[in-house]
N, C-alpha and C. Protein backbone atom coordinates (compact mmCIF):
# COMPACT_ATOMS: atom_id res chain seq x y z
N MET A 1 13.91 23.76 -0.09
CA MET A 1 12.92 22.68 -0.14
C MET A 1 11.78 23.36 0.57
N ASN A 2 10.49 23.55 -0.46
CA ASN A 2 9.00 23.88 0.29
C ASN A 2 8.71 22.67 1.20
N PHE A 3 8.47 22.95 2.37
CA PHE A 3 7.73 21.78 3.13
C PHE A 3 6.41 21.53 2.81
N ALA A 4 6.08 22.35 2.25
CA ALA A 4 4.17 22.18 1.95
C ALA A 4 4.38 21.26 0.75
N LYS A 5 4.83 21.42 -0.10
CA LYS A 5 5.18 20.86 -1.41
C LYS A 5 5.52 19.42 -1.20
N TYR A 6 6.58 19.31 -0.40
CA TYR A 6 7.37 17.99 0.09
C TYR A 6 6.30 17.13 0.42
N LEU A 7 5.20 17.48 1.82
CA LEU A 7 4.42 17.02 2.20
C LEU A 7 3.19 16.62 1.32
N ILE A 8 2.78 17.40 0.48
CA ILE A 8 1.71 17.20 -0.54
C ILE A 8 2.10 16.22 -1.62
N ASP A 9 3.24 16.27 -2.03
CA ASP A 9 3.89 15.00 -2.98
C ASP A 9 4.10 13.47 -2.12
N LYS A 10 4.40 13.72 -1.15
CA LYS A 10 4.55 12.52 -0.22
C LYS A 10 2.97 11.84 0.09
N VAL A 11 2.35 12.67 0.52
CA VAL A 11 0.83 12.31 0.79
C VAL A 11 0.19 11.73 -0.27
N THR A 12 0.36 12.42 -1.35
CA THR A 12 -0.17 12.05 -2.72
C THR A 12 0.35 10.46 -3.10
N PHE A 13 1.81 10.65 -3.06
CA PHE A 13 2.13 9.17 -3.44
C PHE A 13 1.93 7.85 -2.81
N THR A 14 1.63 8.32 -1.36
CA THR A 14 1.30 7.02 -0.49
C THR A 14 -0.26 7.00 -0.53
N SER A 15 -0.80 7.92 -0.63
CA SER A 15 -2.24 7.53 -0.92
C SER A 15 -2.44 6.94 -2.11
N PHE A 16 -1.84 6.92 -3.30
CA PHE A 16 -1.82 6.36 -4.51
C PHE A 16 -1.47 4.88 -4.36
N LEU A 17 -0.54 4.73 -3.80
CA LEU A 17 0.08 3.45 -3.46
C LEU A 17 -0.81 2.69 -2.72
N VAL A 18 -1.59 2.96 -1.92
CA VAL A 18 -2.50 2.49 -0.86
C VAL A 18 -3.56 2.04 -1.73
N VAL A 19 -4.03 3.10 -2.64
CA VAL A 19 -5.43 2.82 -3.10
C VAL A 19 -4.87 1.59 -4.22
N THR A 20 -3.86 1.98 -5.11
CA THR A 20 -3.71 1.11 -6.19
C THR A 20 -3.56 -0.65 -5.79
N VAL A 21 -2.66 -0.64 -4.67
CA VAL A 21 -2.45 -1.90 -4.01
C VAL A 21 -3.86 -2.48 -3.61
N VAL A 22 -4.75 -1.89 -2.74
CA VAL A 22 -6.11 -2.41 -2.35
C VAL A 22 -7.04 -2.67 -3.49
N LEU A 23 -6.96 -1.81 -4.30
CA LEU A 23 -7.89 -2.00 -5.44
C LEU A 23 -7.24 -3.17 -6.35
N GLY A 24 -6.12 -3.33 -6.44
CA GLY A 24 -5.56 -4.52 -7.33
C GLY A 24 -5.80 -5.78 -6.56
N SER A 25 -5.82 -5.75 -5.28
CA SER A 25 -5.80 -6.93 -4.16
C SER A 25 -7.12 -7.35 -4.76
N PHE A 26 -8.33 -6.65 -4.51
CA PHE A 26 -9.67 -6.69 -4.53
C PHE A 26 -10.31 -7.00 -5.98
N GLY A 27 -9.43 -6.62 -6.99
CA GLY A 27 -9.59 -7.09 -8.21
C GLY A 27 -9.24 -8.48 -8.68
N LEU A 28 -8.14 -8.39 -8.06
CA LEU A 28 -7.69 -10.21 -8.22
C LEU A 28 -8.32 -11.18 -7.58
N ILE A 29 -8.59 -10.64 -6.43
CA ILE A 29 -9.64 -11.62 -5.53
C ILE A 29 -11.20 -11.80 -6.47
N PHE A 30 -11.53 -10.93 -7.07
CA PHE A 30 -12.60 -10.86 -7.53
C PHE A 30 -12.95 -11.34 -9.04
N THR A 31 -11.81 -11.21 -9.68
CA THR A 31 -11.26 -12.21 -10.84
C THR A 31 -11.38 -13.68 -10.47
N LEU A 32 -10.65 -13.80 -9.47
CA LEU A 32 -10.52 -15.31 -9.45
C LEU A 32 -11.80 -15.81 -8.91
N MET A 33 -12.80 -15.22 -8.20
CA MET A 33 -14.02 -15.64 -7.83
C MET A 33 -15.10 -16.18 -8.98
N PHE A 34 -14.63 -15.68 -10.00
CA PHE A 34 -15.58 -15.62 -10.83
C PHE A 34 -15.05 -16.26 -12.52
N HIS A 35 -13.79 -16.16 -12.54
CA HIS A 35 -13.23 -17.03 -13.63
C HIS A 35 -12.48 -18.61 -13.08
N GLU A 36 -12.49 -19.42 -13.95
CA GLU A 36 -11.96 -20.81 -13.42
C GLU A 36 -10.52 -20.82 -13.88
N VAL A 37 -9.47 -21.31 -12.91
CA VAL A 37 -8.38 -20.90 -13.26
C VAL A 37 -7.88 -22.31 -13.97
N PRO A 38 -7.18 -22.53 -14.88
CA PRO A 38 -6.81 -24.02 -15.42
C PRO A 38 -5.97 -24.76 -14.27
N LYS A 39 -6.30 -25.95 -14.24
CA LYS A 39 -5.41 -27.08 -13.34
C LYS A 39 -4.06 -26.81 -13.28
N ASP A 40 -3.28 -26.95 -14.18
CA ASP A 40 -2.09 -26.85 -14.56
C ASP A 40 -1.44 -25.57 -13.94
N SER A 41 -2.55 -24.20 -13.86
CA SER A 41 -2.00 -22.81 -13.32
C SER A 41 -2.10 -22.60 -12.15
N GLN A 42 -3.04 -23.19 -11.32
CA GLN A 42 -3.62 -23.16 -10.18
C GLN A 42 -2.56 -22.88 -9.00
N ALA A 43 -1.45 -23.53 -8.97
CA ALA A 43 -0.44 -23.42 -7.95
C ALA A 43 -0.02 -22.16 -8.40
N VAL A 44 0.56 -21.71 -9.32
CA VAL A 44 1.10 -20.22 -9.59
C VAL A 44 0.15 -19.40 -9.41
N VAL A 45 -0.89 -19.46 -9.63
CA VAL A 45 -1.99 -18.25 -9.39
C VAL A 45 -2.40 -18.15 -7.93
N TYR A 46 -2.60 -19.45 -7.28
CA TYR A 46 -2.90 -19.10 -5.61
C TYR A 46 -1.60 -18.56 -5.10
N SER A 47 -0.31 -19.06 -5.44
CA SER A 47 0.68 -18.55 -5.08
C SER A 47 1.03 -16.87 -5.11
N LEU A 48 0.59 -16.78 -6.24
CA LEU A 48 0.52 -14.83 -6.58
C LEU A 48 -0.50 -14.45 -5.67
N LEU A 49 -1.58 -14.96 -5.53
CA LEU A 49 -2.68 -14.30 -4.89
C LEU A 49 -2.18 -14.17 -3.45
N GLY A 50 -1.51 -15.23 -2.69
CA GLY A 50 -1.10 -15.23 -1.55
C GLY A 50 -0.24 -14.29 -1.14
N THR A 51 0.68 -13.82 -2.06
CA THR A 51 1.65 -12.91 -2.44
C THR A 51 1.46 -11.84 -1.88
N VAL A 52 0.49 -11.39 -2.79
CA VAL A 52 -0.09 -9.96 -3.13
C VAL A 52 -0.72 -9.65 -2.03
N VAL A 53 -1.91 -10.66 -1.81
CA VAL A 53 -2.59 -10.03 -0.54
C VAL A 53 -1.75 -10.08 0.85
N GLY A 54 -1.41 -11.39 1.39
CA GLY A 54 -0.57 -11.53 2.45
C GLY A 54 0.36 -10.41 2.62
N THR A 55 1.27 -10.35 1.72
CA THR A 55 2.66 -9.54 1.95
C THR A 55 2.31 -8.07 1.36
N GLY A 56 2.00 -7.83 0.28
CA GLY A 56 1.85 -6.53 -0.50
C GLY A 56 0.95 -5.74 0.60
N LEU A 57 -0.59 -6.21 0.31
CA LEU A 57 -1.76 -5.50 1.13
C LEU A 57 -1.60 -5.48 2.56
N GLY A 58 -1.07 -6.54 3.33
CA GLY A 58 -0.73 -6.16 4.67
C GLY A 58 0.55 -5.18 4.67
N SER A 59 1.53 -5.43 4.37
CA SER A 59 2.47 -4.28 4.62
C SER A 59 2.09 -2.79 4.28
N ILE A 60 1.41 -2.89 3.43
CA ILE A 60 1.35 -1.55 2.91
C ILE A 60 0.24 -0.78 3.94
N LEU A 61 -0.71 -1.57 4.40
CA LEU A 61 -1.83 -1.12 5.12
C LEU A 61 -1.13 -1.27 6.72
N GLN A 62 -0.08 -1.95 7.04
CA GLN A 62 0.55 -1.53 8.43
C GLN A 62 1.45 -0.30 8.23
N PHE A 63 1.77 -0.33 7.49
CA PHE A 63 2.71 1.23 7.09
C PHE A 63 1.69 2.54 7.40
N LYS A 64 1.06 2.14 6.34
CA LYS A 64 -0.12 3.58 6.36
C LYS A 64 -0.77 3.57 7.40
N PHE A 65 -1.56 2.71 8.28
CA PHE A 65 -2.13 2.92 9.31
C PHE A 65 -1.43 2.67 10.73
N GLY A 66 -0.33 2.04 10.90
CA GLY A 66 0.52 1.24 11.91
C GLY A 66 1.52 2.34 12.69
N SER A 67 2.42 1.70 13.22
CA SER A 67 3.22 2.30 14.23
C SER A 67 4.24 3.41 13.16
N SER A 68 4.37 2.93 11.91
CA SER A 68 5.20 3.63 10.89
C SER A 68 4.50 4.97 10.37
N SER A 69 3.00 5.05 10.61
CA SER A 69 2.58 6.11 10.22
C SER A 69 2.91 7.15 11.48
N GLY A 70 2.62 6.62 12.71
CA GLY A 70 2.97 7.43 14.04
C GLY A 70 4.39 8.12 13.96
N SER A 71 5.14 7.48 13.22
CA SER A 71 6.65 7.75 13.74
C SER A 71 6.66 8.55 12.43
N GLU A 72 6.41 8.49 11.40
CA GLU A 72 6.34 9.58 10.29
C GLU A 72 5.74 10.57 10.43
N LYS A 73 4.60 11.14 10.99
CA LYS A 73 3.81 12.23 11.96
C LYS A 73 4.92 13.14 12.98
N LYS A 74 5.69 12.18 13.76
CA LYS A 74 6.74 12.70 14.48
C LYS A 74 7.72 13.47 13.71
N THR A 75 8.21 12.36 12.61
CA THR A 75 9.53 13.21 11.96
C THR A 75 8.88 14.37 11.20
N ASP A 76 7.96 14.54 10.69
CA ASP A 76 7.44 15.70 9.83
C ASP A 76 7.01 16.75 10.72
N SER A 77 6.72 16.52 12.10
CA SER A 77 6.58 17.82 13.08
C SER A 77 7.94 18.05 13.46
N LEU A 78 8.70 17.51 13.80
CA LEU A 78 10.31 17.70 13.54
C LEU A 78 10.85 18.57 12.94
N ILE A 79 10.77 18.05 11.49
CA ILE A 79 10.91 19.09 10.27
C ILE A 79 10.45 20.17 10.41
N ALA A 80 9.01 20.25 10.55
CA ALA A 80 8.33 21.61 10.58
C ALA A 80 8.78 22.36 11.70
N ASN A 81 9.15 21.90 12.73
CA ASN A 81 9.50 22.88 14.05
C ASN A 81 11.00 23.23 13.52
N MET A 82 11.77 22.48 13.07
CA MET A 82 12.97 23.07 12.56
C MET A 82 12.99 24.07 11.43
N GLU A 83 12.03 24.19 10.52
CA GLU A 83 11.98 25.12 9.63
C GLU A 83 11.56 26.50 10.17
N LYS A 84 11.11 26.54 11.30
CA LYS A 84 10.26 27.88 11.90
C LYS A 84 11.49 28.71 12.35
């Protein structure tokens, strides 16, 4: 397995996932700011918003920029050293 190809594929997918979730979250917030939600659906829509923003966005940003990112870099460094 070519390590450079593995790293490019991994970075591309992770970056795509982060950008998609961030833009989707802000798109959902933006949509809810300018469109009125019917009274019957408010509980469901706001629960969905809280789940997407609170859990999805928070988890992905913590993974990308948090301690998991440092751990991932360490693992990648160990793999690179093993291939030498």
